[in-house]
Amino acid sequence: STICLSLGKQLAQNRAKVVMLDVDVGLNN
């Protein structure tokens, strides 16, 4: 999850439009 978030933020900072889905139903963080 840390890598997912960090990658998403970096891609967004690189001017990409990014959406993240937490698919871990019930144990999401």
PDB file of all heavy atoms in Angstrom:
ATOM      1  N   SER A   1       0.831  -1.212   0.000  1.00  0.00           N
ATOM      2  CA  SER A   1       0.000   0.000   0.000  1.00  0.00           C
ATOM      3  C   SER A   1       0.865   1.261   0.000  1.00  0.00           C
ATOM      4  O   SER A   1       0.522   2.270  -0.629  1.00  0.00           O
ATOM      5  CB  SER A   1      -0.946   0.002   1.200  1.00  0.00           C
ATOM      6  OG  SER A   1      -1.894  -1.036   1.094  1.00  0.00           O
ATOM      7  N   THR A   2       1.994   1.208   0.713  1.00  0.00           N
ATOM      8  CA  THR A   2       2.924   2.342   0.724  1.00  0.00           C
ATOM      9  C   THR A   2       3.486   2.593  -0.663  1.00  0.00           C
ATOM     10  O   THR A   2       3.556   3.745  -1.126  1.00  0.00           O
ATOM     11  CB  THR A   2       4.083   2.077   1.707  1.00  0.00           C
ATOM     12  OG1 THR A   2       3.556   1.905   3.017  1.00  0.00           O
ATOM     13  CG2 THR A   2       5.070   3.234   1.700  1.00  0.00           C
ATOM     14  N   ILE A   3       3.876   1.520  -1.364  1.00  0.00           N
ATOM     15  CA  ILE A   3       4.400   1.651  -2.723  1.00  0.00           C
ATOM     16  C   ILE A   3       3.311   2.148  -3.659  1.00  0.00           C
ATOM     17  O   ILE A   3       3.545   3.024  -4.504  1.00  0.00           O
ATOM     18  CB  ILE A   3       4.962   0.312  -3.223  1.00  0.00           C
ATOM     19  CG1 ILE A   3       6.125  -0.143  -2.349  1.00  0.00           C
ATOM     20  CG2 ILE A   3       5.395   0.428  -4.679  1.00  0.00           C
ATOM     21  CD1 ILE A   3       7.288   0.810  -2.306  1.00  0.00           C
ATOM     22  N   CYS A   4       2.095   1.620  -3.515  1.00  0.00           N
ATOM     23  CA  CYS A   4       0.968   2.033  -4.364  1.00  0.00           C
ATOM     24  C   CYS A   4       0.716   3.530  -4.211  1.00  0.00           C
ATOM     25  O   CYS A   4       0.613   4.256  -5.202  1.00  0.00           O
ATOM     26  CB  CYS A   4      -0.275   1.227  -3.997  1.00  0.00           C
ATOM     27  SG  CYS A   4      -1.710   1.574  -5.035  1.00  0.00           S
ATOM     28  N   LEU A   5       0.631   3.993  -2.969  1.00  0.00           N
ATOM     29  CA  LEU A   5       0.373   5.409  -2.719  1.00  0.00           C
ATOM     30  C   LEU A   5       1.518   6.278  -3.235  1.00  0.00           C
ATOM     31  O   LEU A   5       1.287   7.291  -3.903  1.00  0.00           O
ATOM     32  CB  LEU A   5       0.165   5.636  -1.223  1.00  0.00           C
ATOM     33  CG  LEU A   5       0.031   7.095  -0.799  1.00  0.00           C
ATOM     34  CD1 LEU A   5      -1.234   7.715  -1.359  1.00  0.00           C
ATOM     35  CD2 LEU A   5       0.063   7.231   0.718  1.00  0.00           C
ATOM     36  N   SER A   6       2.747   5.882  -2.926  1.00  0.00           N
ATOM     37  CA  SER A   6       3.906   6.684  -3.328  1.00  0.00           C
ATOM     38  C   SER A   6       4.031   6.753  -4.838  1.00  0.00           C
ATOM     39  O   SER A   6       4.339   7.816  -5.401  1.00  0.00           O
ATOM     40  CB  SER A   6       5.180   6.090  -2.717  1.00  0.00           C
ATOM     41  OG  SER A   6       5.095   6.035  -1.305  1.00  0.00           O
ATOM     42  N   LEU A   7       3.789   5.634  -5.510  1.00  0.00           N
ATOM     43  CA  LEU A   7       3.829   5.620  -6.977  1.00  0.00           C
ATOM     44  C   LEU A   7       2.733   6.497  -7.553  1.00  0.00           C
ATOM     45  O   LEU A   7       2.964   7.278  -8.486  1.00  0.00           O
ATOM     46  CB  LEU A   7       3.686   4.189  -7.478  1.00  0.00           C
ATOM     47  CG  LEU A   7       3.561   4.008  -8.994  1.00  0.00           C
ATOM     48  CD1 LEU A   7       4.792   4.533  -9.713  1.00  0.00           C
ATOM     49  CD2 LEU A   7       3.313   2.546  -9.352  1.00  0.00           C
ATOM     50  N   GLY A   8       1.525   6.388  -7.005  1.00  0.00           N
ATOM     51  CA  GLY A   8       0.407   7.199  -7.484  1.00  0.00           C
ATOM     52  C   GLY A   8       0.687   8.686  -7.343  1.00  0.00           C
ATOM     53  O   GLY A   8       0.415   9.472  -8.265  1.00  0.00           O
ATOM     54  N   LYS A   9       1.249   9.077  -6.205  1.00  0.00           N
ATOM     55  CA  LYS A   9       1.568  10.493  -5.992  1.00  0.00           C
ATOM     56  C   LYS A   9       2.636  10.974  -6.965  1.00  0.00           C
ATOM     57  O   LYS A   9       2.544  12.086  -7.499  1.00  0.00           O
ATOM     58  CB  LYS A   9       2.030  10.709  -4.544  1.00  0.00           C
ATOM     59  CG  LYS A   9       0.902  10.709  -3.535  1.00  0.00           C
ATOM     60  CD  LYS A   9       1.338  11.340  -2.223  1.00  0.00           C
ATOM     61  CE  LYS A   9       0.144  11.584  -1.322  1.00  0.00           C
ATOM     62  NZ  LYS A   9       0.493  12.359  -0.111  1.00  0.00           N
ATOM     63  N   GLN A  10       3.636  10.131  -7.196  1.00  0.00           N
ATOM     64  CA  GLN A  10       4.712  10.538  -8.106  1.00  0.00           C
ATOM     65  C   GLN A  10       4.205  10.668  -9.532  1.00  0.00           C
ATOM     66  O   GLN A  10       4.554  11.609 -10.247  1.00  0.00           O
ATOM     67  CB  GLN A  10       5.856   9.530  -8.046  1.00  0.00           C
ATOM     68  CG  GLN A  10       7.084   9.961  -8.800  1.00  0.00           C
ATOM     69  CD  GLN A  10       7.671  11.263  -8.273  1.00  0.00           C
ATOM     70  OE1 GLN A  10       8.080  11.348  -7.116  1.00  0.00           O
ATOM     71  NE2 GLN A  10       7.686  12.302  -9.106  1.00  0.00           N
ATOM     72  N   LEU A  11       3.375   9.732  -9.965  1.00  0.00           N
ATOM     73  CA  LEU A  11       2.810   9.816 -11.315  1.00  0.00           C
ATOM     74  C   LEU A  11       1.961  11.087 -11.459  1.00  0.00           C
ATOM     75  O   LEU A  11       1.993  11.750 -12.502  1.00  0.00           O
ATOM     76  CB  LEU A  11       1.966   8.582 -11.612  1.00  0.00           C
ATOM     77  CG  LEU A  11       2.736   7.262 -11.803  1.00  0.00           C
ATOM     78  CD1 LEU A  11       1.766   6.087 -11.846  1.00  0.00           C
ATOM     79  CD2 LEU A  11       3.578   7.299 -13.068  1.00  0.00           C
ATOM     80  N   ALA A  12       1.197  11.416 -10.398  1.00  0.00           N
ATOM     81  CA  ALA A  12       0.374  12.627 -10.426  1.00  0.00           C
ATOM     82  C   ALA A  12       1.241  13.877 -10.460  1.00  0.00           C
ATOM     83  O   ALA A  12       0.930  14.850 -11.152  1.00  0.00           O
ATOM     84  CB  ALA A  12      -0.558  12.649  -9.219  1.00  0.00           C
ATOM     85  N   GLN A  13       2.354  13.853  -9.719  1.00  0.00           N
ATOM     86  CA  GLN A  13       3.274  14.988  -9.738  1.00  0.00           C
ATOM     87  C   GLN A  13       3.958  15.120 -11.095  1.00  0.00           C
ATOM     88  O   GLN A  13       4.410  16.205 -11.462  1.00  0.00           O
ATOM     89  CB  GLN A  13       4.315  14.828  -8.631  1.00  0.00           C
ATOM     90  CG  GLN A  13       3.738  15.038  -7.238  1.00  0.00           C
ATOM     91  CD  GLN A  13       4.682  14.635  -6.125  1.00  0.00           C
ATOM     92  OE1 GLN A  13       5.810  14.198  -6.376  1.00  0.00           O
ATOM     93  NE2 GLN A  13       4.227  14.760  -4.895  1.00  0.00           N
ATOM     94  N   ASN A  14       4.005  13.999 -11.829  1.00  0.00           N
ATOM     95  CA  ASN A  14       4.557  14.027 -13.186  1.00  0.00           C
ATOM     96  C   ASN A  14       3.497  14.402 -14.224  1.00  0.00           C
ATOM     97  O   ASN A  14       3.664  14.140 -15.411  1.00  0.00           O
ATOM     98  CB  ASN A  14       5.153  12.664 -13.535  1.00  0.00           C
ATOM     99  CG  ASN A  14       6.386  12.334 -12.721  1.00  0.00           C
ATOM    100  OD1 ASN A  14       6.907  13.174 -11.993  1.00  0.00           O
ATOM    101  ND2 ASN A  14       6.854  11.098 -12.822  1.00  0.00           N
ATOM    102  N   ARG A  15       2.389  14.964 -13.745  1.00  0.00           N
ATOM    103  CA  ARG A  15       1.324  15.515 -14.593  1.00  0.00           C
ATOM    104  C   ARG A  15       0.439  14.445 -15.232  1.00  0.00           C
ATOM    105  O   ARG A  15      -0.125  14.658 -16.314  1.00  0.00           O
ATOM    106  CB  ARG A  15       1.897  16.445 -15.668  1.00  0.00           C
ATOM    107  CG  ARG A  15       2.623  17.643 -15.081  1.00  0.00           C
ATOM    108  CD  ARG A  15       3.076  18.611 -16.154  1.00  0.00           C
ATOM    109  NE  ARG A  15       3.733  19.771 -15.567  1.00  0.00           N
ATOM    110  CZ  ARG A  15       4.220  20.791 -16.273  1.00  0.00           C
ATOM    111  NH1 ARG A  15       4.115  20.791 -17.598  1.00  0.00           N
ATOM    112  NH2 ARG A  15       4.810  21.798 -15.657  1.00  0.00           N
ATOM    113  N   ALA A  16       0.315  13.307 -14.585  1.00  0.00           N
ATOM    114  CA  ALA A  16      -0.638  12.290 -15.020  1.00  0.00           C
ATOM    115  C   ALA A  16      -1.856  12.362 -14.103  1.00  0.00           C
ATOM    116  O   ALA A  16      -1.753  12.757 -12.940  1.00  0.00           O
ATOM    117  CB  ALA A  16      -0.015  10.902 -14.960  1.00  0.00           C
ATOM    118  N   LYS A  17      -2.999  11.974 -14.626  1.00  0.00           N
ATOM    119  CA  LYS A  17      -4.217  11.923 -13.829  1.00  0.00           C
ATOM    120  C   LYS A  17      -4.378  10.496 -13.324  1.00  0.00           C
ATOM    121  O   LYS A  17      -4.477   9.553 -14.112  1.00  0.00           O
ATOM    122  CB  LYS A  17      -5.422  12.347 -14.669  1.00  0.00           C
ATOM    123  CG  LYS A  17      -6.684  12.595 -13.838  1.00  0.00           C
ATOM    124  CD  LYS A  17      -7.810  13.133 -14.709  1.00  0.00           C
ATOM    125  CE  LYS A  17      -9.058  13.382 -13.863  1.00  0.00           C
ATOM    126  NZ  LYS A  17     -10.190  13.856 -14.691  1.00  0.00           N
ATOM    127  N   VAL A  18      -4.390  10.343 -12.004  1.00  0.00           N
ATOM    128  CA  VAL A  18      -4.290   9.026 -11.382  1.00  0.00           C
ATOM    129  C   VAL A  18      -5.455   8.790 -10.420  1.00  0.00           C
ATOM    130  O   VAL A  18      -5.858   9.691  -9.679  1.00  0.00           O
ATOM    131  CB  VAL A  18      -2.960   8.880 -10.605  1.00  0.00           C
ATOM    132  CG1 VAL A  18      -2.824   7.478 -10.001  1.00  0.00           C
ATOM    133  CG2 VAL A  18      -1.764   9.207 -11.488  1.00  0.00           C
ATOM    134  N   VAL A  19      -5.991   7.565 -10.430  1.00  0.00           N
ATOM    135  CA  VAL A  19      -6.980   7.161  -9.440  1.00  0.00           C
ATOM    136  C   VAL A  19      -6.531   5.842  -8.837  1.00  0.00           C
ATOM    137  O   VAL A  19      -6.028   4.960  -9.537  1.00  0.00           O
ATOM    138  CB  VAL A  19      -8.398   7.027 -10.052  1.00  0.00           C
ATOM    139  CG1 VAL A  19      -8.442   5.993 -11.157  1.00  0.00           C
ATOM    140  CG2 VAL A  19      -9.428   6.707  -8.958  1.00  0.00           C
ATOM    141  N   MET A  20      -6.671   5.721  -7.520  1.00  0.00           N
ATOM    142  CA  MET A  20      -6.282   4.502  -6.814  1.00  0.00           C
ATOM    143  C   MET A  20      -7.513   3.840  -6.211  1.00  0.00           C
ATOM    144  O   MET A  20      -8.331   4.504  -5.572  1.00  0.00           O
ATOM    145  CB  MET A  20      -5.265   4.816  -5.724  1.00  0.00           C
ATOM    146  CG  MET A  20      -3.900   5.149  -6.277  1.00  0.00           C
ATOM    147  SD  MET A  20      -2.625   5.191  -4.998  1.00  0.00           S
ATOM    148  CE  MET A  20      -2.869   6.839  -4.387  1.00  0.00           C
ATOM    149  N   LEU A  21      -7.616   2.531  -6.433  1.00  0.00           N
ATOM    150  CA  LEU A  21      -8.727   1.746  -5.895  1.00  0.00           C
ATOM    151  C   LEU A  21      -8.194   0.792  -4.839  1.00  0.00           C
ATOM    152  O   LEU A  21      -7.253   0.036  -5.100  1.00  0.00           O
ATOM    153  CB  LEU A  21      -9.422   0.932  -6.996  1.00  0.00           C
ATOM    154  CG  LEU A  21     -10.460   1.639  -7.866  1.00  0.00           C
ATOM    155  CD1 LEU A  21      -9.808   2.687  -8.743  1.00  0.00           C
ATOM    156  CD2 LEU A  21     -11.209   0.621  -8.712  1.00  0.00           C
ATOM    157  N   ASP A  22      -8.791   0.839  -3.660  1.00  0.00           N
ATOM    158  CA  ASP A  22      -8.455  -0.119  -2.612  1.00  0.00           C
ATOM    159  C   ASP A  22      -9.390  -1.303  -2.774  1.00  0.00           C
ATOM    160  O   ASP A  22     -10.582  -1.215  -2.498  1.00  0.00           O
ATOM    161  CB  ASP A  22      -8.635   0.529  -1.233  1.00  0.00           C
ATOM    162  CG  ASP A  22      -7.999  -0.296  -0.127  1.00  0.00           C
ATOM    163  OD1 ASP A  22      -7.790  -1.506  -0.348  1.00  0.00           O
ATOM    164  OD2 ASP A  22      -7.719   0.261   0.942  1.00  0.00           O
ATOM    165  N   VAL A  23      -8.852  -2.431  -3.243  1.00  0.00           N
ATOM    166  CA  VAL A  23      -9.681  -3.599  -3.544  1.00  0.00           C
ATOM    167  C   VAL A  23      -9.704  -4.582  -2.374  1.00  0.00           C
ATOM    168  O   VAL A  23     -10.304  -5.648  -2.462  1.00  0.00           O
ATOM    169  CB  VAL A  23      -9.170  -4.295  -4.824  1.00  0.00           C
ATOM    170  CG1 VAL A  23     -10.178  -5.304  -5.348  1.00  0.00           C
ATOM    171  CG2 VAL A  23      -8.890  -3.274  -5.917  1.00  0.00           C
ATOM    172  N   ASP A  24      -9.064  -4.226  -1.264  1.00  0.00           N
ATOM    173  CA  ASP A  24      -9.016  -5.104  -0.098  1.00  0.00           C
ATOM    174  C   ASP A  24     -10.249  -4.855   0.767  1.00  0.00           C
ATOM    175  O   ASP A  24     -10.212  -4.119   1.755  1.00  0.00           O
ATOM    176  CB  ASP A  24      -7.740  -4.842   0.693  1.00  0.00           C
ATOM    177  CG  ASP A  24      -7.434  -5.952   1.677  1.00  0.00           C
ATOM    178  OD1 ASP A  24      -8.275  -6.858   1.824  1.00  0.00           O
ATOM    179  OD2 ASP A  24      -6.369  -5.921   2.305  1.00  0.00           O
ATOM    180  N   VAL A  25     -11.354  -5.486   0.390  1.00  0.00           N
ATOM    181  CA  VAL A  25     -12.633  -5.248   1.066  1.00  0.00           C
ATOM    182  C   VAL A  25     -12.572  -5.725   2.512  1.00  0.00           C
ATOM    183  O   VAL A  25     -12.234  -6.864   2.797  1.00  0.00           O
ATOM    184  CB  VAL A  25     -13.777  -5.969   0.327  1.00  0.00           C
ATOM    185  CG1 VAL A  25     -15.097  -5.769   1.049  1.00  0.00           C
ATOM    186  CG2 VAL A  25     -13.864  -5.483  -1.107  1.00  0.00           C
ATOM    187  N   GLY A  26     -12.919  -4.834   3.443  1.00  0.00           N
ATOM    188  CA  GLY A  26     -12.975  -5.180   4.857  1.00  0.00           C
ATOM    189  C   GLY A  26     -11.666  -5.006   5.589  1.00  0.00           C
ATOM    190  O   GLY A  26     -11.658  -4.729   6.787  1.00  0.00           O
ATOM    191  N   LEU A  27     -10.541  -5.167   4.905  1.00  0.00           N
ATOM    192  CA  LEU A  27      -9.223  -5.024   5.522  1.00  0.00           C
ATOM    193  C   LEU A  27      -8.444  -3.896   4.859  1.00  0.00           C
ATOM    194  O   LEU A  27      -7.223  -3.904   4.831  1.00  0.00           O
ATOM    195  CB  LEU A  27      -8.438  -6.345   5.410  1.00  0.00           C
ATOM    196  CG  LEU A  27      -9.067  -7.540   6.124  1.00  0.00           C
ATOM    197  CD1 LEU A  27      -8.272  -8.814   5.826  1.00  0.00           C
ATOM    198  CD2 LEU A  27      -9.111  -7.296   7.633  1.00  0.00           C
ATOM    199  N   ASN A  28      -9.158  -2.933   4.333  1.00  0.00           N
ATOM    200  CA  ASN A  28      -8.550  -1.838   3.581  1.00  0.00           C
ATOM    201  C   ASN A  28      -7.819  -0.862   4.499  1.00  0.00           C
ATOM    202  O   ASN A  28      -8.244  -0.595   5.615  1.00  0.00           O
ATOM    203  CB  ASN A  28      -9.620  -1.099   2.781  1.00  0.00           C
ATOM    204  CG  ASN A  28     -10.804  -0.723   3.641  1.00  0.00           C
ATOM    205  OD1 ASN A  28     -11.423  -1.585   4.244  1.00  0.00           O
ATOM    206  ND2 ASN A  28     -11.124   0.570   3.707  1.00  0.00           N
ATOM    207  N   ASN A  29      -6.714  -0.315   4.000  1.00  0.00           N
ATOM    208  CA  ASN A  29      -5.997   0.706   4.770  1.00  0.00           C
ATOM    209  C   ASN A  29      -5.387   1.792   3.901  1.00  0.00           C
ATOM    210  O   ASN A  29      -4.635   2.629   4.388  1.00  0.00           O
ATOM    211  CB  ASN A  29      -4.899   0.068   5.643  1.00  0.00           C
ATOM    212  CG  ASN A  29      -3.906  -0.738   4.829  1.00  0.00           C
ATOM    213  OD1 ASN A  29      -3.758  -0.529   3.631  1.00  0.00           O
ATOM    214  ND2 ASN A  29      -3.222  -1.661   5.487  1.00  0.00           N
TER     215      ASN A  29
END
